[in-house]
Amino acid sequence: MYEVTSHKLVLPTQTEVIAPVPDKPGEEPTERMLTMTTCHSVTAGEWGNDHRWITHGKLVGWMDRSLGMPEQVLMDPEVL
């Protein structure tokens, strides 16, 4: 499981955001991180790609698959 630690809009040229240690190219990682990227536009509407939306997350835990679905993702049966 990952916990979101940051999110931001950047220009496509800002590649430091995908470094193993986000925003610190060349630094050695000391924890497990996740970087998600998607195209985004502040000027061209839903089909533009003049920016990138970056979300970083840190690994906060895991569980063996044999233990089933994590409680955090189970739907409330009252909602169904």
N, C-alpha and C. Protein backbone atom coordinates (compact mmCIF):
# COMPACT_ATOMS: atom_id res chain seq x y z
N MET A 1 0.84 -1.16 0.00
CA MET A 1 0.00 0.00 0.00
C MET A 1 0.90 1.24 0.00
N TYR A 2 0.47 2.22 -0.74
CA TYR A 2 1.22 3.47 -0.83
C TYR A 2 0.39 4.61 -0.28
N GLU A 3 1.06 5.58 0.32
CA GLU A 3 0.42 6.79 0.81
C GLU A 3 0.92 7.95 -0.04
N VAL A 4 -0.01 8.75 -0.56
CA VAL A 4 0.38 9.90 -1.39
C VAL A 4 1.14 10.89 -0.53
N THR A 5 2.31 11.29 -1.02
CA THR A 5 3.14 12.25 -0.30
C THR A 5 3.17 13.62 -0.97
N SER A 6 2.88 13.66 -2.28
CA SER A 6 2.84 14.96 -2.96
C SER A 6 2.18 14.80 -4.32
N HIS A 7 1.71 15.92 -4.85
CA HIS A 7 1.21 15.96 -6.22
C HIS A 7 1.38 17.39 -6.71
N LYS A 8 1.65 17.51 -8.02
CA LYS A 8 1.88 18.84 -8.58
C LYS A 8 1.82 18.79 -10.10
N LEU A 9 1.66 19.97 -10.68
CA LEU A 9 1.73 20.14 -12.13
C LEU A 9 3.12 20.63 -12.48
N VAL A 10 3.70 20.04 -13.53
CA VAL A 10 5.03 20.45 -13.97
C VAL A 10 5.05 20.54 -15.49
N LEU A 11 6.07 21.17 -16.00
CA LEU A 11 6.31 21.20 -17.44
C LEU A 11 6.92 19.87 -17.88
N PRO A 12 6.72 19.46 -19.13
CA PRO A 12 7.28 18.20 -19.61
C PRO A 12 8.81 18.14 -19.50
N THR A 13 9.46 19.28 -19.47
CA THR A 13 10.93 19.31 -19.37
C THR A 13 11.44 19.08 -17.96
N GLN A 14 10.56 19.08 -16.97
CA GLN A 14 10.97 18.92 -15.57
C GLN A 14 11.08 17.43 -15.22
N THR A 15 12.10 16.79 -15.76
CA THR A 15 12.26 15.34 -15.59
C THR A 15 12.76 14.93 -14.22
N GLU A 16 13.21 15.88 -13.41
CA GLU A 16 13.69 15.53 -12.07
C GLU A 16 12.59 14.93 -11.20
N VAL A 17 11.35 15.15 -11.57
CA VAL A 17 10.23 14.62 -10.77
C VAL A 17 10.10 13.11 -10.86
N ILE A 18 10.75 12.50 -11.85
CA ILE A 18 10.69 11.03 -11.97
C ILE A 18 11.98 10.36 -11.53
N ALA A 19 12.85 11.09 -10.86
CA ALA A 19 14.08 10.50 -10.33
C ALA A 19 13.72 9.50 -9.23
N PRO A 20 14.60 8.51 -8.95
CA PRO A 20 14.32 7.55 -7.88
C PRO A 20 14.01 8.23 -6.54
N VAL A 21 14.67 9.35 -6.27
CA VAL A 21 14.30 10.21 -5.14
C VAL A 21 13.71 11.46 -5.80
N PRO A 22 12.38 11.59 -5.76
CA PRO A 22 11.73 12.68 -6.50
C PRO A 22 12.36 14.05 -6.24
N ASP A 23 12.63 14.75 -7.34
CA ASP A 23 13.21 16.10 -7.34
C ASP A 23 14.66 16.15 -6.88
N LYS A 24 15.31 15.00 -6.75
CA LYS A 24 16.71 14.97 -6.32
C LYS A 24 17.50 14.00 -7.20
N PRO A 25 17.70 14.36 -8.48
CA PRO A 25 18.43 13.46 -9.38
C PRO A 25 19.82 13.14 -8.83
N GLY A 26 20.22 11.89 -8.95
CA GLY A 26 21.53 11.46 -8.50
C GLY A 26 21.59 11.01 -7.06
N GLU A 27 20.57 11.32 -6.26
CA GLU A 27 20.55 10.89 -4.87
C GLU A 27 20.08 9.44 -4.79
N GLU A 28 20.70 8.67 -3.91
CA GLU A 28 20.33 7.27 -3.73
C GLU A 28 19.07 7.15 -2.88
N PRO A 29 18.10 6.35 -3.32
CA PRO A 29 16.87 6.19 -2.54
C PRO A 29 17.12 5.40 -1.25
N THR A 30 16.36 5.74 -0.21
CA THR A 30 16.43 5.03 1.06
C THR A 30 15.08 4.43 1.43
N GLU A 31 14.05 4.68 0.61
CA GLU A 31 12.73 4.11 0.85
C GLU A 31 12.07 3.82 -0.49
N ARG A 32 11.04 3.02 -0.47
CA ARG A 32 10.35 2.64 -1.70
C ARG A 32 9.30 3.71 -2.04
N MET A 33 9.46 4.28 -3.22
CA MET A 33 8.58 5.34 -3.68
C MET A 33 7.89 4.91 -4.97
N LEU A 34 6.77 5.56 -5.26
CA LEU A 34 6.00 5.35 -6.48
C LEU A 34 5.79 6.70 -7.12
N THR A 35 5.98 6.79 -8.43
CA THR A 35 5.70 8.02 -9.16
C THR A 35 4.70 7.72 -10.26
N MET A 36 3.59 8.44 -10.27
CA MET A 36 2.58 8.31 -11.32
C MET A 36 2.56 9.62 -12.11
N THR A 37 2.48 9.51 -13.43
CA THR A 37 2.44 10.70 -14.27
C THR A 37 1.29 10.58 -15.27
N THR A 38 0.74 11.72 -15.64
CA THR A 38 -0.26 11.76 -16.70
C THR A 38 -0.18 13.12 -17.37
N CYS A 39 -0.62 13.18 -18.60
CA CYS A 39 -0.66 14.46 -19.32
C CYS A 39 -1.77 15.33 -18.73
N HIS A 40 -1.54 16.63 -18.80
CA HIS A 40 -2.50 17.60 -18.29
C HIS A 40 -2.29 18.89 -19.08
N SER A 41 -3.33 19.69 -19.17
CA SER A 41 -3.19 20.96 -19.86
C SER A 41 -3.84 22.08 -19.06
N VAL A 42 -3.15 23.18 -18.99
CA VAL A 42 -3.72 24.37 -18.36
C VAL A 42 -4.24 25.33 -19.41
N THR A 43 -4.00 25.01 -20.71
CA THR A 43 -4.41 25.93 -21.77
C THR A 43 -5.26 25.30 -22.87
N ALA A 44 -5.13 23.98 -23.11
CA ALA A 44 -5.76 23.37 -24.28
C ALA A 44 -6.94 22.47 -23.95
N GLY A 45 -7.47 22.52 -22.75
CA GLY A 45 -8.61 21.68 -22.43
C GLY A 45 -8.24 20.24 -22.18
N GLU A 46 -9.24 19.36 -22.24
CA GLU A 46 -9.03 17.97 -21.84
C GLU A 46 -8.09 17.19 -22.75
N TRP A 47 -7.83 17.65 -23.97
CA TRP A 47 -6.97 16.90 -24.88
C TRP A 47 -5.56 17.47 -24.97
N GLY A 48 -5.25 18.47 -24.19
CA GLY A 48 -3.93 19.07 -24.24
C GLY A 48 -2.91 18.30 -23.42
N ASN A 49 -1.66 18.62 -23.66
CA ASN A 49 -0.59 17.96 -22.91
C ASN A 49 0.58 18.90 -22.66
N ASP A 50 0.29 20.15 -22.35
CA ASP A 50 1.38 21.10 -22.13
C ASP A 50 1.98 21.01 -20.73
N HIS A 51 1.39 20.22 -19.87
CA HIS A 51 1.92 19.99 -18.53
C HIS A 51 1.82 18.51 -18.17
N ARG A 52 2.44 18.14 -17.08
CA ARG A 52 2.33 16.78 -16.55
C ARG A 52 1.83 16.89 -15.10
N TRP A 53 0.91 16.01 -14.75
CA TRP A 53 0.45 15.93 -13.38
C TRP A 53 1.22 14.78 -12.74
N ILE A 54 1.95 15.08 -11.70
CA ILE A 54 2.82 14.12 -11.04
C ILE A 54 2.28 13.83 -9.64
N THR A 55 2.19 12.55 -9.28
CA THR A 55 1.80 12.16 -7.93
C THR A 55 2.86 11.20 -7.41
N HIS A 56 3.36 11.49 -6.21
CA HIS A 56 4.35 10.63 -5.57
C HIS A 56 3.70 9.94 -4.37
N GLY A 57 4.13 8.71 -4.14
CA GLY A 57 3.66 7.96 -2.98
C GLY A 57 4.79 7.19 -2.35
N LYS A 58 4.64 6.90 -1.06
CA LYS A 58 5.63 6.15 -0.30
C LYS A 58 5.01 4.84 0.15
N LEU A 59 5.76 3.75 0.03
CA LEU A 59 5.29 2.45 0.48
C LEU A 59 5.11 2.49 2.00
N VAL A 60 3.89 2.20 2.46
CA VAL A 60 3.63 2.23 3.90
C VAL A 60 3.28 0.85 4.45
N GLY A 61 3.11 -0.13 3.58
CA GLY A 61 2.82 -1.47 4.07
C GLY A 61 2.44 -2.41 2.95
N TRP A 62 2.38 -3.66 3.28
CA TRP A 62 1.96 -4.67 2.32
C TRP A 62 1.35 -5.81 3.10
N MET A 63 0.64 -6.65 2.40
CA MET A 63 0.11 -7.85 3.02
C MET A 63 0.15 -8.98 2.02
N ASP A 64 0.30 -10.18 2.53
CA ASP A 64 0.36 -11.36 1.69
C ASP A 64 -0.96 -11.52 0.94
N ARG A 65 -0.88 -11.85 -0.32
CA ARG A 65 -2.07 -12.01 -1.16
C ARG A 65 -3.03 -13.06 -0.58
N SER A 66 -2.50 -14.06 0.09
CA SER A 66 -3.34 -15.11 0.65
C SER A 66 -4.25 -14.60 1.77
N LEU A 67 -3.97 -13.40 2.29
CA LEU A 67 -4.80 -12.82 3.35
C LEU A 67 -6.05 -12.13 2.80
N GLY A 68 -6.19 -12.10 1.47
CA GLY A 68 -7.38 -11.52 0.86
C GLY A 68 -7.24 -10.04 0.56
N MET A 69 -8.38 -9.38 0.41
CA MET A 69 -8.44 -7.98 0.04
C MET A 69 -8.17 -7.09 1.26
N PRO A 70 -7.31 -6.07 1.11
CA PRO A 70 -7.07 -5.16 2.24
C PRO A 70 -8.35 -4.46 2.67
N GLU A 71 -8.50 -4.28 3.96
CA GLU A 71 -9.69 -3.65 4.52
C GLU A 71 -9.95 -2.28 3.90
N GLN A 72 -8.88 -1.55 3.58
CA GLN A 72 -9.03 -0.20 3.05
C GLN A 72 -9.73 -0.15 1.70
N VAL A 73 -9.74 -1.25 0.96
CA VAL A 73 -10.36 -1.23 -0.37
C VAL A 73 -11.68 -1.99 -0.44
N LEU A 74 -12.08 -2.59 0.65
CA LEU A 74 -13.35 -3.30 0.67
C LEU A 74 -14.50 -2.28 0.70
N MET A 75 -15.55 -2.55 -0.05
CA MET A 75 -16.71 -1.65 -0.06
C MET A 75 -17.58 -1.93 1.15
N ASP A 76 -18.21 -0.91 1.66
CA ASP A 76 -19.16 -1.04 2.75
C ASP A 76 -20.41 -1.76 2.24
N PRO A 77 -20.77 -2.90 2.80
CA PRO A 77 -21.94 -3.64 2.31
C PRO A 77 -23.24 -2.82 2.42
N GLU A 78 -23.27 -1.83 3.29
CA GLU A 78 -24.45 -0.98 3.41
C GLU A 78 -24.65 -0.12 2.16
N VAL A 79 -23.58 0.13 1.43
CA VAL A 79 -23.64 0.96 0.23
C VAL A 79 -24.23 0.17 -0.94
N LEU A 80 -24.00 -1.13 -0.95
CA LEU A 80 -24.45 -1.97 -2.07
C LEU A 80 -25.91 -2.10 -2.07
